[in-house]
Amino acid sequence: MKTTLNIPKELIDEAMKTAKKKTKTETIITALKEYIRQRRLDEIIREAGKLDFSDDWERLRHER
């Protein structure tokens, strides 16, 4: 999909150098994937300790 974006040249140049990518497209794709990965990790960390596991997991495992 083709999209026009107004990204400061200095920012895209730094991102390309940091990501070691040769094209702007590769750089943007890498940055978006990393952003999504980081947000998912943040959500997992935020939910840590909120899940309640029952003590009968051993019994349930053997019922299959």
C-alpha atoms as a PDB file:
ATOM      1  CA  MET A   1       0.000   0.000   0.000  1.00  0.00           C
ATOM      2  CA  LYS A   2       1.415   3.338  -0.961  1.00  0.00           C
ATOM      3  CA  THR A   3       1.213   6.126   1.629  1.00  0.00           C
ATOM      4  CA  THR A   4       2.631   9.626   1.777  1.00  0.00           C
ATOM      5  CA  LEU A   5       4.141  10.619   5.114  1.00  0.00           C
ATOM      6  CA  ASN A   6       5.852  13.786   6.299  1.00  0.00           C
ATOM      7  CA  ILE A   7       8.713  12.494   8.436  1.00  0.00           C
ATOM      8  CA  PRO A   8      11.625  14.759   9.332  1.00  0.00           C
ATOM      9  CA  LYS A   9      14.693  13.799   7.279  1.00  0.00           C
ATOM     10  CA  GLU A  10      16.951  13.731  10.337  1.00  0.00           C
ATOM     11  CA  LEU A  11      14.607  11.294  12.080  1.00  0.00           C
ATOM     12  CA  ILE A  12      14.371   8.883   9.155  1.00  0.00           C
ATOM     13  CA  ASP A  13      18.149   9.087   8.584  1.00  0.00           C
ATOM     14  CA  GLU A  14      18.838   8.257  12.230  1.00  0.00           C
ATOM     15  CA  ALA A  15      16.302   5.409  12.166  1.00  0.00           C
ATOM     16  CA  MET A  16      17.874   3.959   8.997  1.00  0.00           C
ATOM     17  CA  LYS A  17      21.332   4.130  10.544  1.00  0.00           C
ATOM     18  CA  THR A  18      20.187   2.630  13.852  1.00  0.00           C
ATOM     19  CA  ALA A  19      18.171  -0.159  12.209  1.00  0.00           C
ATOM     20  CA  LYS A  20      20.924  -0.763   9.625  1.00  0.00           C
ATOM     21  CA  LYS A  21      18.360  -0.679   6.820  1.00  0.00           C
ATOM     22  CA  LYS A  22      19.050   0.491   3.280  1.00  0.00           C
ATOM     23  CA  THR A  23      15.603   1.813   2.406  1.00  0.00           C
ATOM     24  CA  LYS A  24      13.050   4.026   4.077  1.00  0.00           C
ATOM     25  CA  THR A  25      10.391   1.362   3.563  1.00  0.00           C
ATOM     26  CA  GLU A  26      12.444  -1.300   5.375  1.00  0.00           C
ATOM     27  CA  THR A  27      13.115   1.171   8.153  1.00  0.00           C
ATOM     28  CA  ILE A  28       9.459   2.105   8.645  1.00  0.00           C
ATOM     29  CA  ILE A  29       8.356  -1.548   8.579  1.00  0.00           C
ATOM     30  CA  THR A  30      11.015  -2.451  11.160  1.00  0.00           C
ATOM     31  CA  ALA A  31      10.044   0.493  13.360  1.00  0.00           C
ATOM     32  CA  LEU A  32       6.338  -0.345  13.230  1.00  0.00           C
ATOM     33  CA  LYS A  33       6.949  -4.021  14.027  1.00  0.00           C
ATOM     34  CA  GLU A  34       9.158  -3.044  16.972  1.00  0.00           C
ATOM     35  CA  TYR A  35       6.565  -0.557  18.220  1.00  0.00           C
ATOM     36  CA  ILE A  36       3.829  -3.218  18.095  1.00  0.00           C
ATOM     37  CA  ARG A  37       6.083  -5.784  19.803  1.00  0.00           C
ATOM     38  CA  GLN A  38       6.928  -3.328  22.569  1.00  0.00           C
ATOM     39  CA  ARG A  39       3.280  -2.385  23.166  1.00  0.00           C
ATOM     40  CA  ARG A  40       2.341  -6.086  23.404  1.00  0.00           C
ATOM     41  CA  LEU A  41       5.139  -6.672  25.908  1.00  0.00           C
ATOM     42  CA  ASP A  42       3.978  -3.666  27.926  1.00  0.00           C
ATOM     43  CA  GLU A  43       0.467  -5.170  28.030  1.00  0.00           C
ATOM     44  CA  ILE A  44       1.803  -8.562  29.151  1.00  0.00           C
ATOM     45  CA  ILE A  45       3.884  -6.922  31.884  1.00  0.00           C
ATOM     46  CA  ARG A  46       0.900  -4.829  32.997  1.00  0.00           C
ATOM     47  CA  GLU A  47      -1.218  -7.999  33.296  1.00  0.00           C
ATOM     48  CA  ALA A  48       1.485  -9.957  35.138  1.00  0.00           C
ATOM     49  CA  GLY A  49       0.228 -11.280  38.437  1.00  0.00           C
ATOM     50  CA  LYS A  50      -3.423 -10.700  37.568  1.00  0.00           C
ATOM     51  CA  LEU A  51      -4.097 -14.204  36.283  1.00  0.00           C
ATOM     52  CA  ASP A  52      -5.439 -16.696  38.792  1.00  0.00           C
ATOM     53  CA  PHE A  53      -4.424 -20.323  38.312  1.00  0.00           C
ATOM     54  CA  SER A  54      -6.270 -23.024  40.199  1.00  0.00           C
ATOM     55  CA  ASP A  55      -4.428 -25.590  42.277  1.00  0.00           C
ATOM     56  CA  ASP A  56      -6.132 -28.512  40.537  1.00  0.00           C
ATOM     57  CA  TRP A  57      -4.129 -28.217  37.311  1.00  0.00           C
ATOM     58  CA  GLU A  58      -2.413 -31.555  37.971  1.00  0.00           C
ATOM     59  CA  ARG A  59      -5.773 -33.349  38.268  1.00  0.00           C
ATOM     60  CA  LEU A  60      -7.122 -31.660  35.156  1.00  0.00           C
ATOM     61  CA  ARG A  61      -4.003 -32.563  33.192  1.00  0.00           C
ATOM     62  CA  HIS A  62      -4.537 -36.282  33.882  1.00  0.00           C
ATOM     63  CA  GLU A  63      -8.264 -36.252  33.028  1.00  0.00           C
ATOM     64  CA  ARG A  64      -7.604 -35.930  29.305  1.00  0.00           C
END
